[in-house]
All heavy atoms as atom14 arrays in JSON, in Angstrom:
{
  "sequence": "LCDGPPRAKVVDVPRPPLELLAPLFREAGFGEAKTSKTSF",
  "atom14_mask": [
    [1, 1, 1, 1, 1, 1, 1, 1, 0, 0, 0, 0, 0, 0],
    [1, 1, 1, 1, 1, 1, 0, 0, 0, 0, 0, 0, 0, 0],
    [1, 1, 1, 1, 1, 1, 1, 1, 0, 0, 0, 0, 0, 0],
    [1, 1, 1, 1, 0, 0, 0, 0, 0, 0, 0, 0, 0, 0],
    [1, 1, 1, 1, 1, 1, 1, 0, 0, 0, 0, 0, 0, 0],
    [1, 1, 1, 1, 1, 1, 1, 0, 0, 0, 0, 0, 0, 0],
    [1, 1, 1, 1, 1, 1, 1, 1, 1, 1, 1, 0, 0, 0],
    [1, 1, 1, 1, 1, 0, 0, 0, 0, 0, 0, 0, 0, 0],
    [1, 1, 1, 1, 1, 1, 1, 1, 1, 0, 0, 0, 0, 0],
    [1, 1, 1, 1, 1, 1, 1, 0, 0, 0, 0, 0, 0, 0],
    [1, 1, 1, 1, 1, 1, 1, 0, 0, 0, 0, 0, 0, 0],
    [1, 1, 1, 1, 1, 1, 1, 1, 0, 0, 0, 0, 0, 0],
    [1, 1, 1, 1, 1, 1, 1, 0, 0, 0, 0, 0, 0, 0],
    [1, 1, 1, 1, 1, 1, 1, 0, 0, 0, 0, 0, 0, 0],
    [1, 1, 1, 1, 1, 1, 1, 1, 1, 1, 1, 0, 0, 0],
    [1, 1, 1, 1, 1, 1, 1, 0, 0, 0, 0, 0, 0, 0],
    [1, 1, 1, 1, 1, 1, 1, 0, 0, 0, 0, 0, 0, 0],
    [1, 1, 1, 1, 1, 1, 1, 1, 0, 0, 0, 0, 0, 0],
    [1, 1, 1, 1, 1, 1, 1, 1, 1, 0, 0, 0, 0, 0],
    [1, 1, 1, 1, 1, 1, 1, 1, 0, 0, 0, 0, 0, 0],
    [1, 1, 1, 1, 1, 1, 1, 1, 0, 0, 0, 0, 0, 0],
    [1, 1, 1, 1, 1, 0, 0, 0, 0, 0, 0, 0, 0, 0],
    [1, 1, 1, 1, 1, 1, 1, 0, 0, 0, 0, 0, 0, 0],
    [1, 1, 1, 1, 1, 1, 1, 1, 0, 0, 0, 0, 0, 0],
    [1, 1, 1, 1, 1, 1, 1, 1, 1, 1, 1, 0, 0, 0],
    [1, 1, 1, 1, 1, 1, 1, 1, 1, 1, 1, 0, 0, 0],
    [1, 1, 1, 1, 1, 1, 1, 1, 1, 0, 0, 0, 0, 0],
    [1, 1, 1, 1, 1, 0, 0, 0, 0, 0, 0, 0, 0, 0],
    [1, 1, 1, 1, 0, 0, 0, 0, 0, 0, 0, 0, 0, 0],
    [1, 1, 1, 1, 1, 1, 1, 1, 1, 1, 1, 0, 0, 0],
    [1, 1, 1, 1, 0, 0, 0, 0, 0, 0, 0, 0, 0, 0],
    [1, 1, 1, 1, 1, 1, 1, 1, 1, 0, 0, 0, 0, 0],
    [1, 1, 1, 1, 1, 0, 0, 0, 0, 0, 0, 0, 0, 0],
    [1, 1, 1, 1, 1, 1, 1, 1, 1, 0, 0, 0, 0, 0],
    [1, 1, 1, 1, 1, 1, 1, 0, 0, 0, 0, 0, 0, 0],
    [1, 1, 1, 1, 1, 1, 0, 0, 0, 0, 0, 0, 0, 0],
    [1, 1, 1, 1, 1, 1, 1, 1, 1, 0, 0, 0, 0, 0],
    [1, 1, 1, 1, 1, 1, 1, 0, 0, 0, 0, 0, 0, 0],
    [1, 1, 1, 1, 1, 1, 0, 0, 0, 0, 0, 0, 0, 0],
    [1, 1, 1, 1, 1, 1, 1, 1, 1, 1, 1, 0, 0, 0]
  ],
  "atom14_positions": [
    [[3.37, 8.31, 18.84], [2.03, 8.83, 18.65], [2.12, 10.29, 18.25], [2.92, 11.05, 18.78], [1.21, 8.66, 19.93], [1.08, 7.21, 20.4], [0.39, 7.17, 21.74], [0.32, 6.4, 19.39], [0.0, 0.0, 0.0], [0.0, 0.0, 0.0], [0.0, 0.0, 0.0], [0.0, 0.0, 0.0], [0.0, 0.0, 0.0], [0.0, 0.0, 0.0]],
    [[1.29, 10.67, 17.29], [1.39, 12.03, 16.8], [0.03, 12.54, 16.36], [-0.94, 11.8, 16.34], [2.38, 12.1, 15.65], [1.88, 11.12, 14.22], [0.0, 0.0, 0.0], [0.0, 0.0, 0.0], [0.0, 0.0, 0.0], [0.0, 0.0, 0.0], [0.0, 0.0, 0.0], [0.0, 0.0, 0.0], [0.0, 0.0, 0.0], [0.0, 0.0, 0.0]],
    [[0.0, 13.79, 16.04], [-1.23, 14.4, 15.56], [-1.29, 14.42, 14.04], [-2.22, 14.94, 13.46], [-1.35, 15.82, 16.11], [-1.5, 15.83, 17.63], [-2.11, 14.89, 18.15], [-1.0, 16.77, 18.26], [0.0, 0.0, 0.0], [0.0, 0.0, 0.0], [0.0, 0.0, 0.0], [0.0, 0.0, 0.0], [0.0, 0.0, 0.0], [0.0, 0.0, 0.0]],
    [[-0.27, 13.86, 13.4], [-0.24, 13.79, 11.94], [-1.05, 12.61, 11.44], [-1.95, 12.12, 12.12], [0.0, 0.0, 0.0], [0.0, 0.0, 0.0], [0.0, 0.0, 0.0], [0.0, 0.0, 0.0], [0.0, 0.0, 0.0], [0.0, 0.0, 0.0], [0.0, 0.0, 0.0], [0.0, 0.0, 0.0], [0.0, 0.0, 0.0], [0.0, 0.0, 0.0]],
    [[-0.7, 12.12, 10.26], [-1.43, 10.97, 9.71], [-1.18, 9.71, 10.53], [-0.22, 9.65, 11.3], [-0.85, 10.83, 8.29], [0.47, 11.51, 8.34], [0.35, 12.6, 9.37], [0.0, 0.0, 0.0], [0.0, 0.0, 0.0], [0.0, 0.0, 0.0], [0.0, 0.0, 0.0], [0.0, 0.0, 0.0], [0.0, 0.0, 0.0], [0.0, 0.0, 0.0]],
    [[-2.02, 8.71, 10.36], [-1.81, 7.46, 11.06], [-0.42, 6.89, 10.78], [0.14, 7.11, 9.71], [-2.9, 6.54, 10.49], [-3.99, 7.48, 10.11], [-3.27, 8.7, 9.59], [0.0, 0.0, 0.0], [0.0, 0.0, 0.0], [0.0, 0.0, 0.0], [0.0, 0.0, 0.0], [0.0, 0.0, 0.0], [0.0, 0.0, 0.0], [0.0, 0.0, 0.0]],
    [[0.09, 6.15, 11.76], [1.39, 5.5, 11.62], [1.2, 4.0, 11.73], [0.43, 3.52, 12.56], [2.34, 6.01, 12.7], [2.56, 7.52, 12.57], [3.66, 8.01, 13.43], [4.94, 7.66, 12.76], [6.11, 7.78, 13.35], [6.2, 8.22, 14.58], [7.21, 7.45, 12.71], [0.0, 0.0, 0.0], [0.0, 0.0, 0.0], [0.0, 0.0, 0.0]],
    [[1.91, 3.28, 10.88], [1.88, 1.82, 10.86], [3.12, 1.36, 10.1], [3.78, 2.16, 9.45], [0.61, 1.3, 10.18], [0.0, 0.0, 0.0], [0.0, 0.0, 0.0], [0.0, 0.0, 0.0], [0.0, 0.0, 0.0], [0.0, 0.0, 0.0], [0.0, 0.0, 0.0], [0.0, 0.0, 0.0], [0.0, 0.0, 0.0], [0.0, 0.0, 0.0]],
    [[3.42, 0.08, 10.18], [4.56, -0.46, 9.46], [4.1, -1.03, 8.13], [3.1, -1.75, 8.07], [5.25, -1.54, 10.29], [6.58, -1.98, 9.7], [7.21, -3.08, 10.5], [6.49, -4.38, 10.39], [6.37, -4.92, 9.04], [0.0, 0.0, 0.0], [0.0, 0.0, 0.0], [0.0, 0.0, 0.0], [0.0, 0.0, 0.0], [0.0, 0.0, 0.0]],
    [[4.83, -0.68, 7.08], [4.51, -1.24, 5.78], [4.59, -2.77, 5.89], [5.28, -3.3, 6.78], [5.49, -0.69, 4.7], [6.9, -1.21, 4.89], [4.97, -0.97, 3.3], [0.0, 0.0, 0.0], [0.0, 0.0, 0.0], [0.0, 0.0, 0.0], [0.0, 0.0, 0.0], [0.0, 0.0, 0.0], [0.0, 0.0, 0.0], [0.0, 0.0, 0.0]],
    [[3.89, -3.47, 5.02], [3.89, -4.94, 5.08], [5.31, -5.49, 4.94], [6.18, -4.87, 4.32], [2.97, -5.56, 4.0], [1.51, -5.27, 4.31], [3.34, -5.1, 2.6], [0.0, 0.0, 0.0], [0.0, 0.0, 0.0], [0.0, 0.0, 0.0], [0.0, 0.0, 0.0], [0.0, 0.0, 0.0], [0.0, 0.0, 0.0], [0.0, 0.0, 0.0]],
    [[5.55, -6.64, 5.56], [6.87, -7.26, 5.52], [7.24, -7.71, 4.11], [8.36, -7.51, 3.66], [6.92, -8.48, 6.46], [6.71, -8.09, 7.9], [7.23, -7.04, 8.32], [6.02, -8.85, 8.63], [0.0, 0.0, 0.0], [0.0, 0.0, 0.0], [0.0, 0.0, 0.0], [0.0, 0.0, 0.0], [0.0, 0.0, 0.0], [0.0, 0.0, 0.0]],
    [[6.31, -8.34, 3.45], [6.47, -8.82, 2.08], [5.2, -8.45, 1.33], [4.18, -8.14, 1.94], [6.71, -10.35, 2.05], [8.05, -10.7, 2.7], [5.59, -11.11, 2.71], [0.0, 0.0, 0.0], [0.0, 0.0, 0.0], [0.0, 0.0, 0.0], [0.0, 0.0, 0.0], [0.0, 0.0, 0.0], [0.0, 0.0, 0.0], [0.0, 0.0, 0.0]],
    [[5.23, -8.46, 0.0], [4.06, -8.0, -0.76], [2.89, -8.99, -0.69], [2.73, -9.84, -1.55], [4.59, -7.86, -2.18], [5.73, -8.81, -2.25], [6.33, -8.83, -0.87], [0.0, 0.0, 0.0], [0.0, 0.0, 0.0], [0.0, 0.0, 0.0], [0.0, 0.0, 0.0], [0.0, 0.0, 0.0], [0.0, 0.0, 0.0], [0.0, 0.0, 0.0]],
    [[2.1, -8.83, 0.35], [0.89, -9.65, 0.52], [-0.28, -8.71, 0.74], [-0.31, -8.04, 1.76], [1.05, -10.6, 1.71], [2.04, -11.68, 1.43], [2.05, -12.71, 2.53], [3.07, -13.71, 2.24], [3.72, -14.37, 3.15], [3.49, -14.15, 4.42], [4.61, -15.26, 2.8], [0.0, 0.0, 0.0], [0.0, 0.0, 0.0], [0.0, 0.0, 0.0]],
    [[-1.17, -8.63, -0.17], [-1.19, -9.26, -1.49], [-0.13, -8.63, -2.41], [0.23, -7.47, -2.24], [-2.59, -8.96, -2.02], [-3.35, -8.37, -0.9], [-2.4, -7.91, 0.11], [0.0, 0.0, 0.0], [0.0, 0.0, 0.0], [0.0, 0.0, 0.0], [0.0, 0.0, 0.0], [0.0, 0.0, 0.0], [0.0, 0.0, 0.0], [0.0, 0.0, 0.0]],
    [[0.32, -9.39, -3.41], [1.28, -8.83, -4.35], [0.62, -7.75, -5.21], [-0.59, -7.75, -5.42], [1.7, -10.03, -5.19], [0.7, -11.1, -4.94], [0.02, -10.79, -3.65], [0.0, 0.0, 0.0], [0.0, 0.0, 0.0], [0.0, 0.0, 0.0], [0.0, 0.0, 0.0], [0.0, 0.0, 0.0], [0.0, 0.0, 0.0], [0.0, 0.0, 0.0]],
    [[1.46, -6.83, -5.71], [0.94, -5.71, -6.5], [0.12, -6.17, -7.71], [-0.86, -5.52, -8.06], [2.08, -4.81, -6.96], [2.46, -3.69, -6.01], [3.65, -2.91, -6.54], [1.3, -2.77, -5.72], [0.0, 0.0, 0.0], [0.0, 0.0, 0.0], [0.0, 0.0, 0.0], [0.0, 0.0, 0.0], [0.0, 0.0, 0.0], [0.0, 0.0, 0.0]],
    [[0.5, -7.28, -8.33], [-0.24, -7.7, -9.52], [-1.68, -8.09, -9.19], [-2.55, -8.07, -10.06], [0.47, -8.82, -10.29], [0.7, -10.09, -9.51], [2.08, -10.14, -8.85], [2.77, -9.11, -8.76], [2.46, -11.24, -8.39], [0.0, 0.0, 0.0], [0.0, 0.0, 0.0], [0.0, 0.0, 0.0], [0.0, 0.0, 0.0], [0.0, 0.0, 0.0]],
    [[-1.97, -8.43, -7.93], [-3.35, -8.69, -7.51], [-3.98, -7.45, -6.89], [-5.19, -7.24, -7.01], [-3.38, -9.85, -6.5], [-2.94, -11.21, -7.02], [-2.97, -12.24, -5.89], [-3.8, -11.67, -8.18], [0.0, 0.0, 0.0], [0.0, 0.0, 0.0], [0.0, 0.0, 0.0], [0.0, 0.0, 0.0], [0.0, 0.0, 0.0], [0.0, 0.0, 0.0]],
    [[-3.19, -6.66, -6.22], [-3.69, -5.48, -5.52], [-3.98, -4.32, -6.47], [-4.98, -3.61, -6.31], [-2.64, -5.05, -4.48], [-3.05, -4.21, -3.3], [-4.24, -4.81, -2.57], [-1.88, -4.04, -2.36], [0.0, 0.0, 0.0], [0.0, 0.0, 0.0], [0.0, 0.0, 0.0], [0.0, 0.0, 0.0], [0.0, 0.0, 0.0], [0.0, 0.0, 0.0]],
    [[-3.13, -4.13, -7.47], [-3.26, -2.99, -8.38], [-4.62, -2.95, -9.11], [-5.21, -1.86, -9.21], [-2.11, -2.98, -9.38], [0.0, 0.0, 0.0], [0.0, 0.0, 0.0], [0.0, 0.0, 0.0], [0.0, 0.0, 0.0], [0.0, 0.0, 0.0], [0.0, 0.0, 0.0], [0.0, 0.0, 0.0], [0.0, 0.0, 0.0], [0.0, 0.0, 0.0]],
    [[-5.14, -4.08, -9.61], [-6.45, -4.0, -10.26], [-7.57, -3.5, -9.33], [-8.45, -2.76, -9.75], [-6.71, -5.44, -10.72], [-5.36, -6.05, -10.85], [-4.54, -5.41, -9.76], [0.0, 0.0, 0.0], [0.0, 0.0, 0.0], [0.0, 0.0, 0.0], [0.0, 0.0, 0.0], [0.0, 0.0, 0.0], [0.0, 0.0, 0.0], [0.0, 0.0, 0.0]],
    [[-7.51, -3.89, -8.05], [-8.51, -3.41, -7.1], [-8.36, -1.91, -6.89], [-9.36, -1.18, -6.85], [-8.38, -4.14, -5.76], [-8.91, -5.55, -5.67], [-8.74, -6.1, -4.27], [-10.37, -5.62, -6.08], [0.0, 0.0, 0.0], [0.0, 0.0, 0.0], [0.0, 0.0, 0.0], [0.0, 0.0, 0.0], [0.0, 0.0, 0.0], [0.0, 0.0, 0.0]],
    [[-7.13, -1.44, -6.75], [-6.89, -0.01, -6.57], [-7.36, 0.77, -7.79], [-7.94, 1.85, -7.65], [-5.41, 0.26, -6.27], [-5.07, 0.2, -4.8], [-5.28, -0.95, -4.06], [-4.55, 1.3, -4.15], [-4.96, -1.01, -2.72], [-4.23, 1.26, -2.81], [-4.44, 0.1, -2.08], [0.0, 0.0, 0.0], [0.0, 0.0, 0.0], [0.0, 0.0, 0.0]],
    [[-7.12, 0.24, -9.0], [-7.59, 0.92, -10.21], [-9.11, 0.97, -10.23], [-9.7, 2.02, -10.51], [-7.07, 0.21, -11.46], [-5.63, 0.57, -11.79], [-5.24, 0.1, -13.19], [-5.34, -1.34, -13.38], [-4.4, -2.22, -13.07], [-3.26, -1.81, -12.54], [-4.58, -3.5, -13.29], [0.0, 0.0, 0.0], [0.0, 0.0, 0.0], [0.0, 0.0, 0.0]],
    [[-9.76, -0.15, -9.92], [-11.23, -0.19, -9.92], [-11.8, 0.79, -8.89], [-12.84, 1.4, -9.11], [-11.72, -1.61, -9.62], [-13.23, -1.74, -9.66], [-13.72, -3.15, -9.36], [-12.93, -4.11, -9.4], [-14.93, -3.27, -9.06], [0.0, 0.0, 0.0], [0.0, 0.0, 0.0], [0.0, 0.0, 0.0], [0.0, 0.0, 0.0], [0.0, 0.0, 0.0]],
    [[-11.09, 0.95, -7.79], [-11.54, 1.87, -6.73], [-11.25, 3.33, -7.08], [-11.69, 4.23, -6.38], [-10.87, 1.5, -5.42], [0.0, 0.0, 0.0], [0.0, 0.0, 0.0], [0.0, 0.0, 0.0], [0.0, 0.0, 0.0], [0.0, 0.0, 0.0], [0.0, 0.0, 0.0], [0.0, 0.0, 0.0], [0.0, 0.0, 0.0], [0.0, 0.0, 0.0]],
    [[-10.49, 3.55, -8.16], [-10.19, 4.92, -8.57], [-8.85, 5.44, -8.07], [-8.59, 6.64, -8.13], [0.0, 0.0, 0.0], [0.0, 0.0, 0.0], [0.0, 0.0, 0.0], [0.0, 0.0, 0.0], [0.0, 0.0, 0.0], [0.0, 0.0, 0.0], [0.0, 0.0, 0.0], [0.0, 0.0, 0.0], [0.0, 0.0, 0.0], [0.0, 0.0, 0.0]],
    [[-7.99, 4.53, -7.61], [-6.69, 4.93, -7.07], [-5.54, 4.26, -7.82], [-4.6, 3.74, -7.22], [-6.62, 4.61, -5.57], [-7.77, 5.16, -4.78], [-8.66, 4.31, -4.15], [-7.97, 6.52, -4.7], [-9.73, 4.82, -3.42], [-9.05, 7.04, -3.99], [-9.92, 6.19, -3.35], [0.0, 0.0, 0.0], [0.0, 0.0, 0.0], [0.0, 0.0, 0.0]],
    [[-5.62, 4.28, -9.13], [-4.61, 3.63, -9.96], [-3.22, 4.24, -9.86], [-2.24, 3.61, -10.21], [0.0, 0.0, 0.0], [0.0, 0.0, 0.0], [0.0, 0.0, 0.0], [0.0, 0.0, 0.0], [0.0, 0.0, 0.0], [0.0, 0.0, 0.0], [0.0, 0.0, 0.0], [0.0, 0.0, 0.0], [0.0, 0.0, 0.0], [0.0, 0.0, 0.0]],
    [[-3.14, 5.47, -9.4], [-1.84, 6.15, -9.29], [-1.35, 6.2, -7.85], [-0.58, 7.09, -7.49], [-1.96, 7.58, -9.85], [-2.38, 7.62, -11.31], [-1.38, 6.95, -12.24], [-0.16, 7.13, -12.03], [-1.82, 6.23, -13.15], [0.0, 0.0, 0.0], [0.0, 0.0, 0.0], [0.0, 0.0, 0.0], [0.0, 0.0, 0.0], [0.0, 0.0, 0.0]],
    [[-1.78, 5.27, -7.02], [-1.38, 5.26, -5.61], [0.14, 5.14, -5.48], [0.79, 4.42, -6.24], [-2.07, 4.12, -4.87], [0.0, 0.0, 0.0], [0.0, 0.0, 0.0], [0.0, 0.0, 0.0], [0.0, 0.0, 0.0], [0.0, 0.0, 0.0], [0.0, 0.0, 0.0], [0.0, 0.0, 0.0], [0.0, 0.0, 0.0], [0.0, 0.0, 0.0]],
    [[0.68, 5.82, -4.49], [2.11, 5.81, -4.21], [2.54, 4.42, -3.74], [1.79, 3.73, -3.04], [2.39, 6.85, -3.11], [3.83, 6.96, -2.69], [3.96, 8.01, -1.59], [5.37, 7.97, -1.02], [5.51, 8.87, 0.14], [0.0, 0.0, 0.0], [0.0, 0.0, 0.0], [0.0, 0.0, 0.0], [0.0, 0.0, 0.0], [0.0, 0.0, 0.0]],
    [[3.76, 4.01, -4.12], [4.29, 2.72, -3.68], [5.48, 2.92, -2.75], [6.11, 3.98, -2.74], [4.72, 1.84, -4.88], [5.72, 2.53, -5.63], [3.54, 1.48, -5.76], [0.0, 0.0, 0.0], [0.0, 0.0, 0.0], [0.0, 0.0, 0.0], [0.0, 0.0, 0.0], [0.0, 0.0, 0.0], [0.0, 0.0, 0.0], [0.0, 0.0, 0.0]],
    [[5.76, 1.9, -1.98], [6.9, 1.86, -1.06], [7.5, 0.47, -1.09], [6.82, -0.5, -1.41], [6.47, 2.16, 0.38], [6.01, 3.48, 0.5], [0.0, 0.0, 0.0], [0.0, 0.0, 0.0], [0.0, 0.0, 0.0], [0.0, 0.0, 0.0], [0.0, 0.0, 0.0], [0.0, 0.0, 0.0], [0.0, 0.0, 0.0], [0.0, 0.0, 0.0]],
    [[8.75, 0.38, -0.71], [9.42, -0.91, -0.6], [8.9, -1.62, 0.65], [8.67, -1.0, 1.68], [10.93, -0.68, -0.5], [11.74, -1.91, -0.72], [13.21, -1.57, -0.8], [14.02, -2.84, -0.9], [15.45, -2.56, -0.84], [0.0, 0.0, 0.0], [0.0, 0.0, 0.0], [0.0, 0.0, 0.0], [0.0, 0.0, 0.0], [0.0, 0.0, 0.0]],
    [[8.72, -2.92, 0.56], [8.29, -3.7, 1.71], [9.43, -3.78, 2.73], [10.57, -3.44, 2.43], [7.87, -5.13, 1.29], [8.98, -5.77, 0.66], [6.67, -5.09, 0.34], [0.0, 0.0, 0.0], [0.0, 0.0, 0.0], [0.0, 0.0, 0.0], [0.0, 0.0, 0.0], [0.0, 0.0, 0.0], [0.0, 0.0, 0.0], [0.0, 0.0, 0.0]],
    [[9.12, -4.25, 3.93], [10.13, -4.33, 4.98], [11.3, -5.24, 4.61], [12.44, -4.99, 4.99], [9.52, -4.85, 6.29], [8.62, -3.92, 6.81], [0.0, 0.0, 0.0], [0.0, 0.0, 0.0], [0.0, 0.0, 0.0], [0.0, 0.0, 0.0], [0.0, 0.0, 0.0], [0.0, 0.0, 0.0], [0.0, 0.0, 0.0], [0.0, 0.0, 0.0]],
    [[11.01, -6.31, 3.89], [12.04, -7.29, 3.53], [12.07, -7.5, 2.02], [11.04, -7.51, 1.37], [11.79, -8.63, 4.23], [11.74, -8.52, 5.72], [10.56, -8.75, 6.4], [12.86, -8.18, 6.45], [10.5, -8.66, 7.79], [12.82, -8.07, 7.83], [11.63, -8.31, 8.49], [0.0, 0.0, 0.0], [0.0, 0.0, 0.0], [0.0, 0.0, 0.0]]
  ]
}
């Protein structure tokens, strides 16, 4: 627990996959969102 940003574990596998998630992020105005590798 910290006073910084929220902490959570990245998803285990890409659910939803980026090809479905990316259009929503673009529509929301976050097309350049940072990516990370999934847990597995």
